[in-house]
Amino acid sequence: MSSYIHMENVIKEINGNIILDNINLSLDKGKIYGIKGKNGSGKTMLFKAICGFIKTEGTITVGGRPVGMDGSYAKNVGVLLENPGFLHSYSGFKNLKYLAEINNKIDDKQIKDTMIALGLNPEEKKPFKKYSLGMKQKLGIVQAVMENPEVIILDEPINALDEDSVKKVNNIIRELKSQNKLVLISNHNTEELENICDEIYTIDNGKICNKKLVRGILNENEA
């Protein structure tokens, strides 16, 4: 069976600068993958490429479907990237309900249950603009997972979260893995990634330079 996400010779160049440098990855469902790298290393651009948000050279398939060509986006993917576009005057629940109505896959109860699992009060009337950084981050994670997608991409998901909230996020991620979902997470913190991931890839200057099997039998240096 082929991998659910497959990237072959993927290159992204902007104004003469190589942002993604010949990326080759094969990722399977039922696993949690970590992407480690410093700011500007290419983590976020890698996630955007997988979603089909940018055009690249090479080939990318998600669930057997090509993405990034002719404006084609990845299907059935939940994603948290920098600065989620929530409406500032809406409450957290109202924002999520507005987004959920696009696909009509879930009802109010499912939205509220996901909010509660991450420690957010769905009855809170406070507008998004008055949310703390941690509350904004949790709302972004709820948005990414609430429709039960096959792939979940979380870019620095535990930024601004306290210890209890990090535990809640990790519990949700482990539950997604148990449901045979594919989860991709980026983080600067190696210990946090090792706590949750099956495999960790290090990206530097747009190139995958190391692969570590956390819950496997060996570590493999690919540089």
C-alpha atoms as a PDB file:
ATOM      1  CA  MET A   1       0.000   0.000   0.000  1.00  0.00           C
ATOM      2  CA  SER A   2       1.417   3.407  -0.957  1.00  0.00           C
ATOM      3  CA  SER A   3       1.988   6.118   1.638  1.00  0.00           C
ATOM      4  CA  TYR A   4      -0.870   8.517   2.299  1.00  0.00           C
ATOM      5  CA  ILE A   5       1.397  11.545   1.798  1.00  0.00           C
ATOM      6  CA  HIS A   6       4.131  11.212  -0.784  1.00  0.00           C
ATOM      7  CA  MET A   7       6.577  13.961  -1.773  1.00  0.00           C
ATOM      8  CA  GLU A   8       9.125  13.390  -4.511  1.00  0.00           C
ATOM      9  CA  ASN A   9      11.872  15.850  -5.484  1.00  0.00           C
ATOM     10  CA  VAL A  10       9.871  18.802  -4.169  1.00  0.00           C
ATOM     11  CA  ILE A  11      11.519  22.194  -4.633  1.00  0.00           C
ATOM     12  CA  LYS A  12      10.230  25.662  -3.791  1.00  0.00           C
ATOM     13  CA  GLU A  13      12.169  28.714  -4.911  1.00  0.00           C
ATOM     14  CA  ILE A  14      11.258  32.328  -4.137  1.00  0.00           C
ATOM     15  CA  ASN A  15      13.191  35.204  -5.681  1.00  0.00           C
ATOM     16  CA  GLY A  16      16.178  32.977  -6.339  1.00  0.00           C
ATOM     17  CA  ASN A  17      16.201  31.532  -2.799  1.00  0.00           C
ATOM     18  CA  ILE A  18      15.651  27.802  -2.310  1.00  0.00           C
ATOM     19  CA  ILE A  19      13.017  27.435   0.434  1.00  0.00           C
ATOM     20  CA  LEU A  20      12.401  23.695  -0.014  1.00  0.00           C
ATOM     21  CA  ASP A  21      15.380  21.776  -1.359  1.00  0.00           C
ATOM     22  CA  ASN A  22      14.591  18.452  -3.040  1.00  0.00           C
ATOM     23  CA  ILE A  23      12.227  17.116  -0.370  1.00  0.00           C
ATOM     24  CA  ASN A  24      11.436  13.393  -0.476  1.00  0.00           C
ATOM     25  CA  LEU A  25       9.009  12.081   2.152  1.00  0.00           C
ATOM     26  CA  SER A  26       6.617   9.158   2.472  1.00  0.00           C
ATOM     27  CA  LEU A  27       4.214   9.379   5.410  1.00  0.00           C
ATOM     28  CA  ASP A  28       1.663   6.789   6.540  1.00  0.00           C
ATOM     29  CA  LYS A  29      -1.643   6.960   8.362  1.00  0.00           C
ATOM     30  CA  GLY A  30      -1.731   5.852  11.985  1.00  0.00           C
ATOM     31  CA  LYS A  31       1.477   7.722  12.817  1.00  0.00           C
ATOM     32  CA  ILE A  32       2.531  11.000  14.393  1.00  0.00           C
ATOM     33  CA  TYR A  33       5.373  12.779  12.615  1.00  0.00           C
ATOM     34  CA  GLY A  34       7.433  15.613  14.050  1.00  0.00           C
ATOM     35  CA  ILE A  35       9.165  18.292  11.996  1.00  0.00           C
ATOM     36  CA  LYS A  36      11.972  19.995  13.874  1.00  0.00           C
ATOM     37  CA  GLY A  37      13.834  23.087  12.731  1.00  0.00           C
ATOM     38  CA  LYS A  38      14.714  26.637  13.651  1.00  0.00           C
ATOM     39  CA  ASN A  39      12.764  29.646  12.420  1.00  0.00           C
ATOM     40  CA  GLY A  40      13.153  30.028   8.665  1.00  0.00           C
ATOM     41  CA  SER A  41      14.246  26.418   8.162  1.00  0.00           C
ATOM     42  CA  GLY A  42      11.273  25.599   5.912  1.00  0.00           C
ATOM     43  CA  LYS A  43       8.818  23.929   8.330  1.00  0.00           C
ATOM     44  CA  THR A  44       5.835  26.123   7.562  1.00  0.00           C
ATOM     45  CA  MET A  45       6.550  26.129   3.824  1.00  0.00           C
ATOM     46  CA  LEU A  46       6.682  22.325   3.897  1.00  0.00           C
ATOM     47  CA  PHE A  47       3.232  22.226   5.491  1.00  0.00           C
ATOM     48  CA  LYS A  48       1.858  24.728   2.970  1.00  0.00           C
ATOM     49  CA  ALA A  49       3.202  22.566   0.142  1.00  0.00           C
ATOM     50  CA  ILE A  50       1.482  19.450   1.512  1.00  0.00           C
ATOM     51  CA  CYS A  51      -1.809  21.352   1.752  1.00  0.00           C
ATOM     52  CA  GLY A  52      -1.436  22.611  -1.820  1.00  0.00           C
ATOM     53  CA  PHE A  53      -1.348  26.248  -0.713  1.00  0.00           C
ATOM     54  CA  ILE A  54       1.757  26.931  -2.821  1.00  0.00           C
ATOM     55  CA  LYS A  55       3.005  25.737  -6.195  1.00  0.00           C
ATOM     56  CA  THR A  56       6.185  23.660  -6.185  1.00  0.00           C
ATOM     57  CA  GLU A  57       8.390  21.693  -8.512  1.00  0.00           C
ATOM     58  CA  GLY A  58       8.277  17.917  -8.096  1.00  0.00           C
ATOM     59  CA  THR A  59       5.241  15.854  -7.135  1.00  0.00           C
ATOM     60  CA  ILE A  60       3.073  15.771  -4.024  1.00  0.00           C
ATOM     61  CA  THR A  61       0.159  13.407  -3.483  1.00  0.00           C
ATOM     62  CA  VAL A  62      -2.185  13.239  -0.499  1.00  0.00           C
ATOM     63  CA  GLY A  63      -4.481  10.246  -0.383  1.00  0.00           C
ATOM     64  CA  GLY A  64      -3.425   9.382  -3.918  1.00  0.00           C
ATOM     65  CA  ARG A  65      -4.466  12.791  -5.275  1.00  0.00           C
ATOM     66  CA  PRO A  66      -1.928  15.294  -6.645  1.00  0.00           C
ATOM     67  CA  VAL A  67      -1.862  18.675  -4.890  1.00  0.00           C
ATOM     68  CA  GLY A  68      -0.305  22.022  -5.704  1.00  0.00           C
ATOM     69  CA  MET A  69      -1.069  21.721  -9.416  1.00  0.00           C
ATOM     70  CA  ASP A  70      -3.632  23.956 -11.117  1.00  0.00           C
ATOM     71  CA  GLY A  71      -4.791  25.263  -7.754  1.00  0.00           C
ATOM     72  CA  SER A  72      -5.545  21.785  -6.386  1.00  0.00           C
ATOM     73  CA  TYR A  73      -5.707  21.582  -2.584  1.00  0.00           C
ATOM     74  CA  ALA A  74      -5.320  18.533  -0.396  1.00  0.00           C
ATOM     75  CA  LYS A  75      -8.653  16.985   0.586  1.00  0.00           C
ATOM     76  CA  ASN A  76      -9.705  16.012   4.107  1.00  0.00           C
ATOM     77  CA  VAL A  77      -6.871  17.878   5.844  1.00  0.00           C
ATOM     78  CA  GLY A  78      -7.185  19.914   9.036  1.00  0.00           C
ATOM     79  CA  VAL A  79      -4.473  22.509   9.463  1.00  0.00           C
ATOM     80  CA  LEU A  80      -3.183  25.013  11.996  1.00  0.00           C
ATOM     81  CA  LEU A  81      -0.735  27.453  10.445  1.00  0.00           C
ATOM     82  CA  GLU A  82       0.441  30.879  11.527  1.00  0.00           C
ATOM     83  CA  ASN A  83      -2.262  33.449  12.307  1.00  0.00           C
ATOM     84  CA  PRO A  84      -5.536  31.562  11.724  1.00  0.00           C
ATOM     85  CA  GLY A  85      -8.099  33.837  10.060  1.00  0.00           C
ATOM     86  CA  PHE A  86     -10.802  34.032  12.702  1.00  0.00           C
ATOM     87  CA  LEU A  87     -13.345  36.865  12.752  1.00  0.00           C
ATOM     88  CA  HIS A  88     -12.372  39.173  15.593  1.00  0.00           C
ATOM     89  CA  SER A  89     -15.910  40.196  16.558  1.00  0.00           C
ATOM     90  CA  TYR A  90     -17.224  36.603  16.785  1.00  0.00           C
ATOM     91  CA  SER A  91     -16.987  34.381  19.837  1.00  0.00           C
ATOM     92  CA  GLY A  92     -14.922  31.209  19.658  1.00  0.00           C
ATOM     93  CA  PHE A  93     -17.934  28.978  19.109  1.00  0.00           C
ATOM     94  CA  LYS A  94     -19.475  31.324  16.555  1.00  0.00           C
ATOM     95  CA  ASN A  95     -16.214  31.347  14.593  1.00  0.00           C
ATOM     96  CA  LEU A  96     -16.084  27.553  14.558  1.00  0.00           C
ATOM     97  CA  LYS A  97     -19.755  27.201  13.644  1.00  0.00           C
ATOM     98  CA  TYR A  98     -19.246  29.626  10.758  1.00  0.00           C
ATOM     99  CA  LEU A  99     -16.352  27.504   9.449  1.00  0.00           C
ATOM    100  CA  ALA A 100     -18.209  24.224  10.022  1.00  0.00           C
ATOM    101  CA  GLU A 101     -21.116  25.411   7.872  1.00  0.00           C
ATOM    102  CA  ILE A 102     -18.827  25.414   4.816  1.00  0.00           C
ATOM    103  CA  ASN A 103     -18.706  21.602   4.699  1.00  0.00           C
ATOM    104  CA  ASN A 104     -21.684  20.750   6.936  1.00  0.00           C
ATOM    105  CA  LYS A 105     -19.919  17.661   8.281  1.00  0.00           C
ATOM    106  CA  ILE A 106     -20.464  18.257  11.993  1.00  0.00           C
ATOM    107  CA  ASP A 107     -23.147  19.619  14.302  1.00  0.00           C
ATOM    108  CA  ASP A 108     -23.007  22.049  17.216  1.00  0.00           C
ATOM    109  CA  LYS A 109     -22.471  19.261  19.759  1.00  0.00           C
ATOM    110  CA  GLN A 110     -19.347  18.020  18.007  1.00  0.00           C
ATOM    111  CA  ILE A 111     -17.935  21.545  17.906  1.00  0.00           C
ATOM    112  CA  LYS A 112     -18.679  22.090  21.595  1.00  0.00           C
ATOM    113  CA  ASP A 113     -17.294  18.702  22.635  1.00  0.00           C
ATOM    114  CA  THR A 114     -13.999  19.446  20.854  1.00  0.00           C
ATOM    115  CA  MET A 115     -13.787  22.878  22.478  1.00  0.00           C
ATOM    116  CA  ILE A 116     -14.393  21.392  25.925  1.00  0.00           C
ATOM    117  CA  ALA A 117     -11.730  18.714  25.338  1.00  0.00           C
ATOM    118  CA  LEU A 118      -9.187  21.496  24.886  1.00  0.00           C
ATOM    119  CA  GLY A 119     -10.397  23.525  27.848  1.00  0.00           C
ATOM    120  CA  LEU A 120     -12.449  26.141  25.988  1.00  0.00           C
ATOM    121  CA  ASN A 121     -15.946  27.147  27.091  1.00  0.00           C
ATOM    122  CA  PRO A 122     -18.299  27.041  24.087  1.00  0.00           C
ATOM    123  CA  GLU A 123     -20.783  29.251  25.939  1.00  0.00           C
ATOM    124  CA  GLU A 124     -18.208  32.040  26.374  1.00  0.00           C
ATOM    125  CA  LYS A 125     -19.501  35.178  24.627  1.00  0.00           C
ATOM    126  CA  LYS A 126     -16.156  37.000  24.659  1.00  0.00           C
ATOM    127  CA  PRO A 127     -15.121  38.000  21.108  1.00  0.00           C
ATOM    128  CA  PHE A 128     -12.027  36.422  19.606  1.00  0.00           C
ATOM    129  CA  LYS A 129     -10.169  39.744  19.687  1.00  0.00           C
ATOM    130  CA  LYS A 130     -10.239  39.598  23.501  1.00  0.00           C
ATOM    131  CA  TYR A 131      -8.908  36.045  23.698  1.00  0.00           C
ATOM    132  CA  SER A 132      -5.509  35.430  25.275  1.00  0.00           C
ATOM    133  CA  LEU A 133      -2.735  34.023  23.090  1.00  0.00           C
ATOM    134  CA  GLY A 134      -3.297  30.588  24.621  1.00  0.00           C
ATOM    135  CA  MET A 135      -7.044  30.684  23.951  1.00  0.00           C
ATOM    136  CA  LYS A 136      -6.426  31.739  20.341  1.00  0.00           C
ATOM    137  CA  GLN A 137      -4.002  28.859  19.913  1.00  0.00           C
ATOM    138  CA  LYS A 138      -6.463  26.335  21.336  1.00  0.00           C
ATOM    139  CA  LEU A 139      -9.236  27.631  19.095  1.00  0.00           C
ATOM    140  CA  GLY A 140      -6.941  27.133  16.104  1.00  0.00           C
ATOM    141  CA  ILE A 141      -6.296  23.533  17.140  1.00  0.00           C
ATOM    142  CA  VAL A 142     -10.032  22.887  17.588  1.00  0.00           C
ATOM    143  CA  GLN A 143     -10.620  24.228  14.078  1.00  0.00           C
ATOM    144  CA  ALA A 144      -7.987  21.846  12.695  1.00  0.00           C
ATOM    145  CA  VAL A 145      -9.362  18.675  14.312  1.00  0.00           C
ATOM    146  CA  MET A 146     -13.108  19.215  14.792  1.00  0.00           C
ATOM    147  CA  GLU A 147     -14.209  17.777  11.416  1.00  0.00           C
ATOM    148  CA  ASN A 148     -12.270  14.541  11.971  1.00  0.00           C
ATOM    149  CA  PRO A 149      -9.981  14.857   8.913  1.00  0.00           C
ATOM    150  CA  GLU A 150      -7.658  12.090   7.730  1.00  0.00           C
ATOM    151  CA  VAL A 151      -4.594  14.364   7.985  1.00  0.00           C
ATOM    152  CA  ILE A 152      -3.955  16.882  10.756  1.00  0.00           C
ATOM    153  CA  ILE A 153      -1.145  19.428  10.346  1.00  0.00           C
ATOM    154  CA  LEU A 154      -0.231  21.479  13.420  1.00  0.00           C
ATOM    155  CA  ASP A 155       2.459  24.153  13.093  1.00  0.00           C
ATOM    156  CA  GLU A 156       3.896  24.905  16.558  1.00  0.00           C
ATOM    157  CA  PRO A 157       0.620  23.887  18.269  1.00  0.00           C
ATOM    158  CA  ILE A 158       1.741  24.256  21.880  1.00  0.00           C
ATOM    159  CA  ASN A 159       3.010  27.838  21.616  1.00  0.00           C
ATOM    160  CA  ALA A 160       1.587  29.962  24.439  1.00  0.00           C
ATOM    161  CA  LEU A 161      -0.031  26.932  26.138  1.00  0.00           C
ATOM    162  CA  ASP A 162       0.341  26.046  29.798  1.00  0.00           C
ATOM    163  CA  GLU A 163       1.340  22.574  30.979  1.00  0.00           C
ATOM    164  CA  ASP A 164      -2.238  21.370  31.463  1.00  0.00           C
ATOM    165  CA  SER A 165      -3.241  22.549  27.985  1.00  0.00           C
ATOM    166  CA  VAL A 166      -0.223  20.805  26.445  1.00  0.00           C
ATOM    167  CA  LYS A 167      -1.392  17.559  28.043  1.00  0.00           C
ATOM    168  CA  LYS A 168      -4.876  18.059  26.586  1.00  0.00           C
ATOM    169  CA  VAL A 169      -3.426  18.674  23.111  1.00  0.00           C
ATOM    170  CA  ASN A 170      -1.231  15.578  23.364  1.00  0.00           C
ATOM    171  CA  ASN A 171      -4.196  13.466  24.472  1.00  0.00           C
ATOM    172  CA  ILE A 172      -6.163  14.602  21.427  1.00  0.00           C
ATOM    173  CA  ILE A 173      -3.206  13.867  19.133  1.00  0.00           C
ATOM    174  CA  ARG A 174      -2.800  10.353  20.555  1.00  0.00           C
ATOM    175  CA  GLU A 175      -6.516   9.738  20.127  1.00  0.00           C
ATOM    176  CA  LEU A 176      -6.251  10.819  16.480  1.00  0.00           C
ATOM    177  CA  LYS A 177      -3.418   8.343  15.959  1.00  0.00           C
ATOM    178  CA  SER A 178      -5.553   5.573  17.470  1.00  0.00           C
ATOM    179  CA  GLN A 179      -8.193   6.415  14.844  1.00  0.00           C
ATOM    180  CA  ASN A 180      -5.605   5.803  12.092  1.00  0.00           C
ATOM    181  CA  LYS A 181      -5.136   9.487  11.299  1.00  0.00           C
ATOM    182  CA  LEU A 182      -1.874  10.971  10.027  1.00  0.00           C
ATOM    183  CA  VAL A 183      -0.611  13.773  12.259  1.00  0.00           C
ATOM    184  CA  LEU A 184       2.183  16.217  11.412  1.00  0.00           C
ATOM    185  CA  ILE A 185       3.530  18.525  14.124  1.00  0.00           C
ATOM    186  CA  SER A 186       6.306  21.094  14.148  1.00  0.00           C
ATOM    187  CA  ASN A 187       8.102  22.181  17.301  1.00  0.00           C
ATOM    188  CA  HIS A 188      11.465  23.611  18.342  1.00  0.00           C
ATOM    189  CA  ASN A 189      11.507  21.399  21.448  1.00  0.00           C
ATOM    190  CA  THR A 190      13.034  17.956  20.844  1.00  0.00           C
ATOM    191  CA  GLU A 191      11.764  16.586  24.158  1.00  0.00           C
ATOM    192  CA  GLU A 192       8.174  17.580  23.387  1.00  0.00           C
ATOM    193  CA  LEU A 193       8.381  15.943  19.957  1.00  0.00           C
ATOM    194  CA  GLU A 194       9.892  12.747  21.360  1.00  0.00           C
ATOM    195  CA  ASN A 195       7.068  12.582  23.904  1.00  0.00           C
ATOM    196  CA  ILE A 196       4.391  12.371  21.215  1.00  0.00           C
ATOM    197  CA  CYS A 197       5.881  11.420  17.837  1.00  0.00           C
ATOM    198  CA  ASP A 198       6.695   8.125  16.140  1.00  0.00           C
ATOM    199  CA  GLU A 199       9.220   9.713  13.794  1.00  0.00           C
ATOM    200  CA  ILE A 200      10.993  13.070  13.800  1.00  0.00           C
ATOM    201  CA  TYR A 201      12.466  14.770  10.753  1.00  0.00           C
ATOM    202  CA  THR A 202      14.903  17.668  11.067  1.00  0.00           C
ATOM    203  CA  ILE A 203      14.741  20.331   8.373  1.00  0.00           C
ATOM    204  CA  ASP A 204      17.525  22.865   7.845  1.00  0.00           C
ATOM    205  CA  ASN A 205      17.757  25.406   5.040  1.00  0.00           C
ATOM    206  CA  GLY A 206      14.859  23.696   3.306  1.00  0.00           C
ATOM    207  CA  LYS A 207      16.477  20.251   3.294  1.00  0.00           C
ATOM    208  CA  ILE A 208      15.505  17.176   5.302  1.00  0.00           C
ATOM    209  CA  CYS A 209      18.811  16.339   6.972  1.00  0.00           C
ATOM    210  CA  ASN A 210      17.916  13.787   9.651  1.00  0.00           C
ATOM    211  CA  LYS A 211      15.288  11.173  10.458  1.00  0.00           C
ATOM    212  CA  LYS A 212      14.825   9.787  13.948  1.00  0.00           C
ATOM    213  CA  LEU A 213      12.609   6.788  14.707  1.00  0.00           C
ATOM    214  CA  VAL A 214      11.362   7.508  18.211  1.00  0.00           C
ATOM    215  CA  ARG A 215       9.143   4.465  18.440  1.00  0.00           C
ATOM    216  CA  GLY A 216      11.151   2.253  16.109  1.00  0.00           C
ATOM    217  CA  ILE A 217      14.285   0.175  16.286  1.00  0.00           C
ATOM    218  CA  LEU A 218      16.947   2.540  14.983  1.00  0.00           C
ATOM    219  CA  ASN A 219      17.918   6.117  14.231  1.00  0.00           C
ATOM    220  CA  GLU A 220      18.788   6.930  10.675  1.00  0.00           C
ATOM    221  CA  ASN A 221      20.973   9.852   9.581  1.00  0.00           C
ATOM    222  CA  GLU A 222      20.140  10.839   6.035  1.00  0.00           C
ATOM    223  CA  ALA A 223      22.596  13.691   5.652  1.00  0.00           C
END
